[in-house]
Amino acid sequence: MRPRVRPPRLAPGARVAVVAPSGPVSEERLEAGLDVLRGWDLDPVVAPHVLDRHGEFDYLAGTDADRAADLQRAWCDPSVDAVLCARGGYGAQRMVDLLDWAGMRAAGPKVFVGFSDITVLHQAFATRLDLVTLHGPAAAGVDFVKNARAQEHLKATLFQPETVRVIPSGGTAMVPGRARGITLGGCLSMLASDLGTPHAPTGARGGLVLLEDIGEQPYRIDRMLTQLLRTGWLDGVAGIALGSWVGCGPYDTVRPVLLDRLGGLGVPVVEEFGFGHCGGALTIPFGMSGELDAEAGELTLDEPALR
């Protein structure tokens, strides 16, 4: 595993496209997110189908073909400097195979931001475009709209990435130690369900894996971690950072599962790292080389995430 291509950082006046590859988007929340982006002196443009809702499956933001076309068009538009996902939800797996990866690669590197279900696209951007991406707040998400910490950390990553090379999470060591590797990961349920698909990395060897999820009971977390272990996906992993587990039950029922399944890997593990579905979620670059210090609860990148 090696570092990936870093996209250019943003500058005032940059044009950013907002897309909805997964779940439906609230117009009110979208407008609030656009106001934040305009306040950063960005020029946000909304893809044509962002406010669509699928006629039969109301958990999808329009048809698979339309959601894929929005992302494809935004990525291949030379006037667009970044593509931001409006929210997660569900649906990226249904549209990811409709994307023209050769065309997107030819369009060159640019910033891509999202989390939750967007994990599927982070994996595809890594394997198909060899690109650094940002696991960060959704442009129409409540955390982005209302939480200053989430806003400011993403803004610094986009405009002044050298100022956030050290990511101090406030987390603590579940298993002490330091580890070097390449960052990857995201939503646990998406990583597990993506195993064996054409766009998923074959394993995390040499990686610093970041894991989080929402609304999963402890036995399901156990099942998904066990699946990653049994398939060998975690073989050779260098270190692990655990984010938020919102809606998964009291943390004292989740923690023993995490420790039982991951503590025996013999690598540093940090818990409560402050990314994912929690309030004030940190922006984590994927595809970057760096060091994870479990005792300090810090991830230090070797260089800025954006060039």
C-alpha atoms as a PDB file:
ATOM      1  CA  MET A   1       0.000   0.000   0.000  1.00  0.00           C
ATOM      2  CA  ARG A   2       1.373   3.405  -1.004  1.00  0.00           C
ATOM      3  CA  PRO A   3       0.248   7.042  -0.748  1.00  0.00           C
ATOM      4  CA  ARG A   4      -2.181   8.202  -3.416  1.00  0.00           C
ATOM      5  CA  VAL A   5      -2.387  11.278  -5.634  1.00  0.00           C
ATOM      6  CA  ARG A   6      -3.202  14.464  -3.704  1.00  0.00           C
ATOM      7  CA  PRO A   7      -5.714  16.825  -5.329  1.00  0.00           C
ATOM      8  CA  PRO A   8      -5.101  20.595  -5.389  1.00  0.00           C
ATOM      9  CA  ARG A   9      -6.316  22.585  -2.392  1.00  0.00           C
ATOM     10  CA  LEU A  10      -9.150  25.071  -2.777  1.00  0.00           C
ATOM     11  CA  ALA A  11      -8.794  28.845  -3.010  1.00  0.00           C
ATOM     12  CA  PRO A  12     -11.395  31.582  -2.562  1.00  0.00           C
ATOM     13  CA  GLY A  13     -13.770  31.612  -5.514  1.00  0.00           C
ATOM     14  CA  ALA A  14     -13.375  27.887  -6.212  1.00  0.00           C
ATOM     15  CA  ARG A  15     -16.396  26.201  -7.785  1.00  0.00           C
ATOM     16  CA  VAL A  16     -17.700  23.212  -5.827  1.00  0.00           C
ATOM     17  CA  ALA A  17     -20.435  20.833  -6.983  1.00  0.00           C
ATOM     18  CA  VAL A  18     -22.881  19.288  -4.516  1.00  0.00           C
ATOM     19  CA  VAL A  19     -24.192  15.833  -5.460  1.00  0.00           C
ATOM     20  CA  ALA A  20     -26.423  13.227  -3.800  1.00  0.00           C
ATOM     21  CA  PRO A  21     -25.144   9.733  -4.674  1.00  0.00           C
ATOM     22  CA  SER A  22     -27.163   8.008  -1.949  1.00  0.00           C
ATOM     23  CA  GLY A  23     -30.121   9.149   0.145  1.00  0.00           C
ATOM     24  CA  PRO A  24     -32.627  11.974  -0.389  1.00  0.00           C
ATOM     25  CA  VAL A  25     -31.803  15.492   0.712  1.00  0.00           C
ATOM     26  CA  SER A  26     -33.837  18.079   2.610  1.00  0.00           C
ATOM     27  CA  GLU A  27     -34.103  21.326   0.645  1.00  0.00           C
ATOM     28  CA  GLU A  28     -33.914  23.371   3.837  1.00  0.00           C
ATOM     29  CA  ARG A  29     -30.751  21.588   4.983  1.00  0.00           C
ATOM     30  CA  LEU A  30     -29.234  21.870   1.521  1.00  0.00           C
ATOM     31  CA  GLU A  31     -29.789  25.627   1.448  1.00  0.00           C
ATOM     32  CA  ALA A  32     -28.223  25.970   4.897  1.00  0.00           C
ATOM     33  CA  GLY A  33     -25.165  24.027   3.734  1.00  0.00           C
ATOM     34  CA  LEU A  34     -24.862  26.144   0.588  1.00  0.00           C
ATOM     35  CA  ASP A  35     -24.916  29.254   2.760  1.00  0.00           C
ATOM     36  CA  VAL A  36     -21.962  27.902   4.759  1.00  0.00           C
ATOM     37  CA  LEU A  37     -20.028  27.237   1.568  1.00  0.00           C
ATOM     38  CA  ARG A  38     -20.787  30.701   0.213  1.00  0.00           C
ATOM     39  CA  GLY A  39     -19.582  32.116   3.526  1.00  0.00           C
ATOM     40  CA  TRP A  40     -16.229  30.484   2.770  1.00  0.00           C
ATOM     41  CA  ASP A  41     -16.134  32.433  -0.515  1.00  0.00           C
ATOM     42  CA  LEU A  42     -16.793  29.289  -2.519  1.00  0.00           C
ATOM     43  CA  ASP A  43     -19.105  29.094  -5.530  1.00  0.00           C
ATOM     44  CA  PRO A  44     -21.391  26.093  -4.901  1.00  0.00           C
ATOM     45  CA  VAL A  45     -23.430  24.589  -7.737  1.00  0.00           C
ATOM     46  CA  VAL A  46     -26.125  22.003  -7.156  1.00  0.00           C
ATOM     47  CA  ALA A  47     -26.295  18.959  -9.430  1.00  0.00           C
ATOM     48  CA  PRO A  48     -29.619  18.603 -11.298  1.00  0.00           C
ATOM     49  CA  HIS A  49     -30.977  15.615  -9.361  1.00  0.00           C
ATOM     50  CA  VAL A  50     -29.866  16.421  -5.800  1.00  0.00           C
ATOM     51  CA  LEU A  51     -33.417  17.069  -4.573  1.00  0.00           C
ATOM     52  CA  ASP A  52     -34.952  14.121  -6.445  1.00  0.00           C
ATOM     53  CA  ARG A  53     -36.626  11.248  -4.658  1.00  0.00           C
ATOM     54  CA  HIS A  54     -36.998   7.808  -6.205  1.00  0.00           C
ATOM     55  CA  GLY A  55     -40.581   7.077  -7.232  1.00  0.00           C
ATOM     56  CA  GLU A  56     -40.680   3.651  -5.592  1.00  0.00           C
ATOM     57  CA  PHE A  57     -37.824   3.602  -3.059  1.00  0.00           C
ATOM     58  CA  ASP A  58     -38.024   6.770  -1.022  1.00  0.00           C
ATOM     59  CA  TYR A  59     -34.658   6.056   0.623  1.00  0.00           C
ATOM     60  CA  LEU A  60     -32.921   6.947  -2.658  1.00  0.00           C
ATOM     61  CA  ALA A  61     -32.233  10.430  -4.037  1.00  0.00           C
ATOM     62  CA  GLY A  62     -33.650   9.666  -7.465  1.00  0.00           C
ATOM     63  CA  THR A  63     -32.779   6.877  -9.861  1.00  0.00           C
ATOM     64  CA  ASP A  64     -29.429   5.124  -9.882  1.00  0.00           C
ATOM     65  CA  ALA A  65     -28.721   6.419 -13.388  1.00  0.00           C
ATOM     66  CA  ASP A  66     -29.477  10.031 -12.460  1.00  0.00           C
ATOM     67  CA  ARG A  67     -27.386   9.932  -9.287  1.00  0.00           C
ATOM     68  CA  ALA A  68     -24.464   8.446 -11.216  1.00  0.00           C
ATOM     69  CA  ALA A  69     -24.867  10.998 -14.011  1.00  0.00           C
ATOM     70  CA  ASP A  70     -24.760  13.882 -11.518  1.00  0.00           C
ATOM     71  CA  LEU A  71     -21.492  12.659 -10.011  1.00  0.00           C
ATOM     72  CA  GLN A  72     -19.985  11.861 -13.404  1.00  0.00           C
ATOM     73  CA  ARG A  73     -20.919  15.237 -14.858  1.00  0.00           C
ATOM     74  CA  ALA A  74     -19.646  17.174 -11.852  1.00  0.00           C
ATOM     75  CA  TRP A  75     -16.358  15.283 -11.773  1.00  0.00           C
ATOM     76  CA  CYS A  76     -15.705  15.694 -15.479  1.00  0.00           C
ATOM     77  CA  ASP A  77     -16.629  19.400 -15.539  1.00  0.00           C
ATOM     78  CA  PRO A  78     -13.286  21.260 -15.804  1.00  0.00           C
ATOM     79  CA  SER A  79     -14.776  24.304 -14.054  1.00  0.00           C
ATOM     80  CA  VAL A  80     -15.478  22.276 -10.881  1.00  0.00           C
ATOM     81  CA  ASP A  81     -12.680  22.128  -8.300  1.00  0.00           C
ATOM     82  CA  ALA A  82     -14.348  19.865  -5.722  1.00  0.00           C
ATOM     83  CA  VAL A  83     -17.285  17.487  -5.419  1.00  0.00           C
ATOM     84  CA  LEU A  84     -19.090  17.425  -2.079  1.00  0.00           C
ATOM     85  CA  CYS A  85     -21.705  14.837  -1.154  1.00  0.00           C
ATOM     86  CA  ALA A  86     -24.914  16.280   0.267  1.00  0.00           C
ATOM     87  CA  ARG A  87     -25.494  13.318   2.597  1.00  0.00           C
ATOM     88  CA  GLY A  88     -24.986   9.596   3.064  1.00  0.00           C
ATOM     89  CA  GLY A  89     -27.933   7.312   3.719  1.00  0.00           C
ATOM     90  CA  TYR A  90     -27.991   4.405   1.283  1.00  0.00           C
ATOM     91  CA  GLY A  91     -27.556   4.011  -2.449  1.00  0.00           C
ATOM     92  CA  ALA A  92     -23.915   4.440  -3.452  1.00  0.00           C
ATOM     93  CA  GLN A  93     -23.540   0.698  -4.030  1.00  0.00           C
ATOM     94  CA  ARG A  94     -26.384   0.828  -6.540  1.00  0.00           C
ATOM     95  CA  MET A  95     -24.797   3.536  -8.694  1.00  0.00           C
ATOM     96  CA  VAL A  96     -21.029   3.041  -8.361  1.00  0.00           C
ATOM     97  CA  ASP A  97     -20.869   0.497 -11.208  1.00  0.00           C
ATOM     98  CA  LEU A  98     -22.567   2.973 -13.565  1.00  0.00           C
ATOM     99  CA  LEU A  99     -19.682   5.440 -13.396  1.00  0.00           C
ATOM    100  CA  ASP A 100     -17.226   5.789 -16.293  1.00  0.00           C
ATOM    101  CA  TRP A 101     -13.986   5.457 -14.367  1.00  0.00           C
ATOM    102  CA  ALA A 102     -11.803   5.941 -17.427  1.00  0.00           C
ATOM    103  CA  GLY A 103     -13.526   9.241 -18.136  1.00  0.00           C
ATOM    104  CA  MET A 104     -13.250  10.331 -14.521  1.00  0.00           C
ATOM    105  CA  ARG A 105      -9.556   9.468 -14.414  1.00  0.00           C
ATOM    106  CA  ALA A 106      -9.005  11.501 -17.578  1.00  0.00           C
ATOM    107  CA  ALA A 107     -10.683  14.499 -15.915  1.00  0.00           C
ATOM    108  CA  GLY A 108      -7.808  14.677 -13.442  1.00  0.00           C
ATOM    109  CA  PRO A 109      -7.682  14.845  -9.650  1.00  0.00           C
ATOM    110  CA  LYS A 110      -9.982  17.053  -7.597  1.00  0.00           C
ATOM    111  CA  VAL A 111     -11.306  17.142  -4.045  1.00  0.00           C
ATOM    112  CA  PHE A 112     -13.986  14.638  -3.016  1.00  0.00           C
ATOM    113  CA  VAL A 113     -15.750  14.847   0.373  1.00  0.00           C
ATOM    114  CA  GLY A 114     -18.337  12.642   2.084  1.00  0.00           C
ATOM    115  CA  PHE A 115     -18.867   9.990   4.754  1.00  0.00           C
ATOM    116  CA  SER A 116     -21.201   7.206   5.911  1.00  0.00           C
ATOM    117  CA  ASP A 117     -22.591   5.435   2.813  1.00  0.00           C
ATOM    118  CA  ILE A 118     -20.078   7.424   0.759  1.00  0.00           C
ATOM    119  CA  THR A 119     -17.475   4.960   2.099  1.00  0.00           C
ATOM    120  CA  VAL A 120     -18.278   2.891  -0.996  1.00  0.00           C
ATOM    121  CA  LEU A 121     -17.165   5.779  -3.209  1.00  0.00           C
ATOM    122  CA  HIS A 122     -14.054   6.472  -1.125  1.00  0.00           C
ATOM    123  CA  GLN A 123     -13.022   2.875  -1.811  1.00  0.00           C
ATOM    124  CA  ALA A 124     -13.756   3.173  -5.517  1.00  0.00           C
ATOM    125  CA  PHE A 125     -11.894   6.487  -5.838  1.00  0.00           C
ATOM    126  CA  ALA A 126      -8.913   4.796  -4.193  1.00  0.00           C
ATOM    127  CA  THR A 127      -8.849   1.720  -6.415  1.00  0.00           C
ATOM    128  CA  ARG A 128      -9.953   3.310  -9.705  1.00  0.00           C
ATOM    129  CA  LEU A 129      -8.471   6.816  -9.497  1.00  0.00           C
ATOM    130  CA  ASP A 130      -5.622   6.266  -7.003  1.00  0.00           C
ATOM    131  CA  LEU A 131      -6.806   9.451  -5.314  1.00  0.00           C
ATOM    132  CA  VAL A 132      -6.663  10.936  -1.816  1.00  0.00           C
ATOM    133  CA  THR A 133     -10.226  11.675  -0.643  1.00  0.00           C
ATOM    134  CA  LEU A 134     -11.670  13.368   2.445  1.00  0.00           C
ATOM    135  CA  HIS A 135     -13.867  11.479   4.897  1.00  0.00           C
ATOM    136  CA  GLY A 136     -15.685  14.552   6.155  1.00  0.00           C
ATOM    137  CA  PRO A 137     -19.041  16.198   6.824  1.00  0.00           C
ATOM    138  CA  ALA A 138     -21.879  16.038   4.296  1.00  0.00           C
ATOM    139  CA  ALA A 139     -22.697  19.405   2.749  1.00  0.00           C
ATOM    140  CA  ALA A 140     -26.354  19.134   3.771  1.00  0.00           C
ATOM    141  CA  GLY A 141     -25.724  17.256   7.019  1.00  0.00           C
ATOM    142  CA  VAL A 142     -26.836  18.576  10.392  1.00  0.00           C
ATOM    143  CA  ASP A 143     -23.279  18.410  11.746  1.00  0.00           C
ATOM    144  CA  PHE A 144     -21.944  20.531   8.901  1.00  0.00           C
ATOM    145  CA  VAL A 145     -24.766  23.054   9.100  1.00  0.00           C
ATOM    146  CA  LYS A 146     -24.763  23.510  12.889  1.00  0.00           C
ATOM    147  CA  ASN A 147     -21.388  22.467  14.311  1.00  0.00           C
ATOM    148  CA  ALA A 148     -18.528  24.975  14.239  1.00  0.00           C
ATOM    149  CA  ARG A 149     -15.823  22.367  14.925  1.00  0.00           C
ATOM    150  CA  ALA A 150     -16.897  20.215  11.979  1.00  0.00           C
ATOM    151  CA  GLN A 151     -17.063  23.264   9.728  1.00  0.00           C
ATOM    152  CA  GLU A 152     -13.713  24.685  10.751  1.00  0.00           C
ATOM    153  CA  HIS A 153     -11.790  21.415  10.495  1.00  0.00           C
ATOM    154  CA  LEU A 154     -13.131  20.757   7.006  1.00  0.00           C
ATOM    155  CA  LYS A 155     -12.483  24.364   5.967  1.00  0.00           C
ATOM    156  CA  ALA A 156      -8.882  24.200   7.195  1.00  0.00           C
ATOM    157  CA  THR A 157      -8.366  20.890   5.369  1.00  0.00           C
ATOM    158  CA  LEU A 158      -9.691  22.375   2.130  1.00  0.00           C
ATOM    159  CA  PHE A 159      -7.899  25.735   2.217  1.00  0.00           C
ATOM    160  CA  GLN A 160      -4.886  25.338   4.545  1.00  0.00           C
ATOM    161  CA  PRO A 161      -4.187  21.601   4.812  1.00  0.00           C
ATOM    162  CA  GLU A 162      -0.715  22.162   6.268  1.00  0.00           C
ATOM    163  CA  THR A 163      -2.412  23.490   9.445  1.00  0.00           C
ATOM    164  CA  VAL A 164      -4.186  20.179  10.096  1.00  0.00           C
ATOM    165  CA  ARG A 165      -1.415  17.663   9.418  1.00  0.00           C
ATOM    166  CA  VAL A 166      -1.690  16.681  13.078  1.00  0.00           C
ATOM    167  CA  ILE A 167      -5.202  15.495  13.929  1.00  0.00           C
ATOM    168  CA  PRO A 168      -5.605  15.437  17.743  1.00  0.00           C
ATOM    169  CA  SER A 169      -8.750  13.441  18.381  1.00  0.00           C
ATOM    170  CA  GLY A 170      -9.070  13.506  22.141  1.00  0.00           C
ATOM    171  CA  GLY A 171      -9.312   9.716  21.946  1.00  0.00           C
ATOM    172  CA  THR A 172      -7.542   7.224  24.176  1.00  0.00           C
ATOM    173  CA  ALA A 173      -5.525   4.065  23.670  1.00  0.00           C
ATOM    174  CA  MET A 174      -7.467   0.814  23.662  1.00  0.00           C
ATOM    175  CA  VAL A 175      -4.207  -0.896  22.715  1.00  0.00           C
ATOM    176  CA  PRO A 176      -1.107   1.311  23.184  1.00  0.00           C
ATOM    177  CA  GLY A 177       1.629   1.898  20.655  1.00  0.00           C
ATOM    178  CA  ARG A 178       2.522   3.760  17.500  1.00  0.00           C
ATOM    179  CA  ALA A 179       2.047   2.647  13.907  1.00  0.00           C
ATOM    180  CA  ARG A 180       2.825   3.948  10.452  1.00  0.00           C
ATOM    181  CA  GLY A 181       0.724   3.288   7.389  1.00  0.00           C
ATOM    182  CA  ILE A 182      -1.731   4.570   4.775  1.00  0.00           C
ATOM    183  CA  THR A 183      -5.146   5.780   5.935  1.00  0.00           C
ATOM    184  CA  LEU A 184      -8.312   4.059   4.725  1.00  0.00           C
ATOM    185  CA  GLY A 185     -11.656   2.877   6.056  1.00  0.00           C
ATOM    186  CA  GLY A 186     -14.977   4.521   6.862  1.00  0.00           C
ATOM    187  CA  CYS A 187     -18.343   3.093   7.831  1.00  0.00           C
ATOM    188  CA  LEU A 188     -17.926  -0.496   9.054  1.00  0.00           C
ATOM    189  CA  SER A 189     -21.164  -1.809   7.548  1.00  0.00           C
ATOM    190  CA  MET A 190     -20.209  -0.397   4.151  1.00  0.00           C
ATOM    191  CA  LEU A 191     -16.707  -1.888   4.307  1.00  0.00           C
ATOM    192  CA  ALA A 192     -18.165  -5.291   5.158  1.00  0.00           C
ATOM    193  CA  SER A 193     -20.825  -5.182   2.446  1.00  0.00           C
ATOM    194  CA  ASP A 194     -18.286  -3.969  -0.135  1.00  0.00           C
ATOM    195  CA  LEU A 195     -15.997  -6.977   0.321  1.00  0.00           C
ATOM    196  CA  GLY A 196     -15.373  -8.821  -2.931  1.00  0.00           C
ATOM    197  CA  THR A 197     -16.811  -6.121  -5.185  1.00  0.00           C
ATOM    198  CA  PRO A 198     -14.838  -4.781  -8.171  1.00  0.00           C
ATOM    199  CA  HIS A 199     -14.009  -1.439  -6.571  1.00  0.00           C
ATOM    200  CA  ALA A 200     -13.079  -2.499  -3.039  1.00  0.00           C
ATOM    201  CA  PRO A 201      -9.448  -2.747  -1.866  1.00  0.00           C
ATOM    202  CA  THR A 202      -8.472  -6.387  -1.461  1.00  0.00           C
ATOM    203  CA  GLY A 203      -7.122  -5.771   2.036  1.00  0.00           C
ATOM    204  CA  ALA A 204      -5.788  -3.317   4.586  1.00  0.00           C
ATOM    205  CA  ARG A 205      -2.212  -4.602   4.773  1.00  0.00           C
ATOM    206  CA  GLY A 206       0.059  -1.708   5.709  1.00  0.00           C
ATOM    207  CA  GLY A 207      -2.924   0.483   6.445  1.00  0.00           C
ATOM    208  CA  LEU A 208      -4.162   2.668   9.272  1.00  0.00           C
ATOM    209  CA  VAL A 209      -7.812   1.654   9.290  1.00  0.00           C
ATOM    210  CA  LEU A 210     -10.442   4.066  10.597  1.00  0.00           C
ATOM    211  CA  LEU A 211     -13.777   2.492  11.546  1.00  0.00           C
ATOM    212  CA  GLU A 212     -17.120   3.883  12.732  1.00  0.00           C
ATOM    213  CA  ASP A 213     -20.843   3.244  12.272  1.00  0.00           C
ATOM    214  CA  ILE A 214     -24.343   4.246  13.300  1.00  0.00           C
ATOM    215  CA  GLY A 215     -27.428   2.342  14.394  1.00  0.00           C
ATOM    216  CA  GLU A 216     -25.804  -1.100  14.576  1.00  0.00           C
ATOM    217  CA  GLN A 217     -26.344  -3.331  17.605  1.00  0.00           C
ATOM    218  CA  PRO A 218     -23.244  -4.809  19.259  1.00  0.00           C
ATOM    219  CA  TYR A 219     -23.840  -8.289  17.802  1.00  0.00           C
ATOM    220  CA  ARG A 220     -23.949  -6.812  14.299  1.00  0.00           C
ATOM    221  CA  ILE A 221     -20.694  -4.935  14.927  1.00  0.00           C
ATOM    222  CA  ASP A 222     -19.264  -8.259  16.094  1.00  0.00           C
ATOM    223  CA  ARG A 223     -20.532  -9.949  12.921  1.00  0.00           C
ATOM    224  CA  MET A 224     -19.065  -7.337  10.585  1.00  0.00           C
ATOM    225  CA  LEU A 225     -15.684  -7.216  12.320  1.00  0.00           C
ATOM    226  CA  THR A 226     -15.603 -11.011  12.323  1.00  0.00           C
ATOM    227  CA  GLN A 227     -16.293 -10.967   8.586  1.00  0.00           C
ATOM    228  CA  LEU A 228     -13.357  -8.615   8.010  1.00  0.00           C
ATOM    229  CA  LEU A 229     -11.186 -10.901  10.116  1.00  0.00           C
ATOM    230  CA  ARG A 230     -12.319 -14.163   8.507  1.00  0.00           C
ATOM    231  CA  THR A 231     -11.832 -12.883   4.966  1.00  0.00           C
ATOM    232  CA  GLY A 232      -8.296 -11.783   5.819  1.00  0.00           C
ATOM    233  CA  TRP A 233      -9.080  -8.146   5.018  1.00  0.00           C
ATOM    234  CA  LEU A 234      -7.416  -7.024   8.255  1.00  0.00           C
ATOM    235  CA  ASP A 235      -4.324  -9.206   7.800  1.00  0.00           C
ATOM    236  CA  GLY A 236      -1.219  -7.048   8.117  1.00  0.00           C
ATOM    237  CA  VAL A 237      -3.084  -3.945   9.250  1.00  0.00           C
ATOM    238  CA  ALA A 238      -0.693  -1.470  10.921  1.00  0.00           C
ATOM    239  CA  GLY A 239      -3.059   0.353  13.294  1.00  0.00           C
ATOM    240  CA  ILE A 240      -6.727   1.111  13.940  1.00  0.00           C
ATOM    241  CA  ALA A 241      -8.631   4.248  14.956  1.00  0.00           C
ATOM    242  CA  LEU A 242     -12.230   3.858  16.105  1.00  0.00           C
ATOM    243  CA  GLY A 243     -14.668   6.720  15.646  1.00  0.00           C
ATOM    244  CA  SER A 244     -18.279   7.165  16.710  1.00  0.00           C
ATOM    245  CA  TRP A 245     -20.853   4.437  17.383  1.00  0.00           C
ATOM    246  CA  VAL A 246     -23.990   6.580  17.575  1.00  0.00           C
ATOM    247  CA  GLY A 247     -27.194   4.624  18.078  1.00  0.00           C
ATOM    248  CA  CYS A 248     -25.307   1.375  18.699  1.00  0.00           C
ATOM    249  CA  GLY A 249     -26.281   1.165  22.356  1.00  0.00           C
ATOM    250  CA  PRO A 250     -24.354   2.321  25.426  1.00  0.00           C
ATOM    251  CA  TYR A 251     -20.636   2.496  24.667  1.00  0.00           C
ATOM    252  CA  ASP A 252     -19.900   0.126  27.551  1.00  0.00           C
ATOM    253  CA  THR A 253     -21.742  -2.568  25.550  1.00  0.00           C
ATOM    254  CA  VAL A 254     -19.959  -1.733  22.296  1.00  0.00           C
ATOM    255  CA  ARG A 255     -16.440  -1.371  23.635  1.00  0.00           C
ATOM    256  CA  PRO A 256     -16.007  -5.003  24.757  1.00  0.00           C
ATOM    257  CA  VAL A 257     -16.922  -6.161  21.247  1.00  0.00           C
ATOM    258  CA  LEU A 258     -14.365  -3.831  19.665  1.00  0.00           C
ATOM    259  CA  LEU A 259     -11.679  -4.939  22.116  1.00  0.00           C
ATOM    260  CA  ASP A 260     -12.493  -8.631  21.693  1.00  0.00           C
ATOM    261  CA  ARG A 261     -12.428  -8.535  17.897  1.00  0.00           C
ATOM    262  CA  LEU A 262      -9.552  -6.073  17.354  1.00  0.00           C
ATOM    263  CA  GLY A 263      -7.429  -6.214  20.496  1.00  0.00           C
ATOM    264  CA  GLY A 264      -5.775  -9.476  19.490  1.00  0.00           C
ATOM    265  CA  LEU A 265      -4.370  -8.137  16.213  1.00  0.00           C
ATOM    266  CA  GLY A 266      -1.265  -6.922  18.020  1.00  0.00           C
ATOM    267  CA  VAL A 267      -1.456  -3.383  16.634  1.00  0.00           C
ATOM    268  CA  PRO A 268      -2.194   0.004  18.244  1.00  0.00           C
ATOM    269  CA  VAL A 269      -5.902   0.794  18.562  1.00  0.00           C
ATOM    270  CA  VAL A 270      -7.310   4.231  19.458  1.00  0.00           C
ATOM    271  CA  GLU A 271     -10.934   4.604  20.575  1.00  0.00           C
ATOM    272  CA  GLU A 272     -13.285   7.587  20.501  1.00  0.00           C
ATOM    273  CA  PHE A 273     -11.249   9.260  17.779  1.00  0.00           C
ATOM    274  CA  GLY A 274     -13.939  11.836  16.981  1.00  0.00           C
ATOM    275  CA  PHE A 275     -14.856  11.146  13.356  1.00  0.00           C
ATOM    276  CA  GLY A 276     -17.953   9.714  11.705  1.00  0.00           C
ATOM    277  CA  HIS A 277     -21.537  10.298  12.804  1.00  0.00           C
ATOM    278  CA  CYS A 278     -20.691  12.170  16.016  1.00  0.00           C
ATOM    279  CA  GLY A 279     -21.123  15.870  16.602  1.00  0.00           C
ATOM    280  CA  GLY A 280     -18.128  17.959  15.540  1.00  0.00           C
ATOM    281  CA  ALA A 281     -16.721  15.162  13.401  1.00  0.00           C
ATOM    282  CA  LEU A 282     -13.142  15.576  12.228  1.00  0.00           C
ATOM    283  CA  THR A 283     -12.205  15.426   8.549  1.00  0.00           C
ATOM    284  CA  ILE A 284      -9.899  12.464   7.879  1.00  0.00           C
ATOM    285  CA  PRO A 285      -7.939  12.221   4.613  1.00  0.00           C
ATOM    286  CA  PHE A 286      -7.880   8.715   3.134  1.00  0.00           C
ATOM    287  CA  GLY A 287      -4.896   7.557   1.092  1.00  0.00           C
ATOM    288  CA  MET A 288      -2.289   9.494   3.087  1.00  0.00           C
ATOM    289  CA  SER A 289       0.798   8.118   4.792  1.00  0.00           C
ATOM    290  CA  GLY A 290       1.207   8.990   8.449  1.00  0.00           C
ATOM    291  CA  GLU A 291       1.658   7.849  12.025  1.00  0.00           C
ATOM    292  CA  LEU A 292      -1.008   6.879  14.528  1.00  0.00           C
ATOM    293  CA  ASP A 293      -0.029   7.461  18.178  1.00  0.00           C
ATOM    294  CA  ALA A 294      -2.479   5.582  20.375  1.00  0.00           C
ATOM    295  CA  GLU A 295      -1.413   7.095  23.705  1.00  0.00           C
ATOM    296  CA  ALA A 296      -1.591  10.656  22.349  1.00  0.00           C
ATOM    297  CA  GLY A 297      -4.761   9.927  20.402  1.00  0.00           C
ATOM    298  CA  GLU A 298      -3.226  11.606  17.369  1.00  0.00           C
ATOM    299  CA  LEU A 299      -2.870  10.956  13.679  1.00  0.00           C
ATOM    300  CA  THR A 300       0.047  12.819  12.086  1.00  0.00           C
ATOM    301  CA  LEU A 301       0.110  12.985   8.285  1.00  0.00           C
ATOM    302  CA  ASP A 302       3.466  12.975   6.518  1.00  0.00           C
ATOM    303  CA  GLU A 303       2.383  15.860   4.307  1.00  0.00           C
ATOM    304  CA  PRO A 304      -0.717  18.023   3.777  1.00  0.00           C
ATOM    305  CA  ALA A 305      -3.698  16.117   2.377  1.00  0.00           C
ATOM    306  CA  LEU A 306      -4.084  18.580  -0.511  1.00  0.00           C
ATOM    307  CA  ARG A 307      -1.253  20.086  -2.506  1.00  0.00           C
END
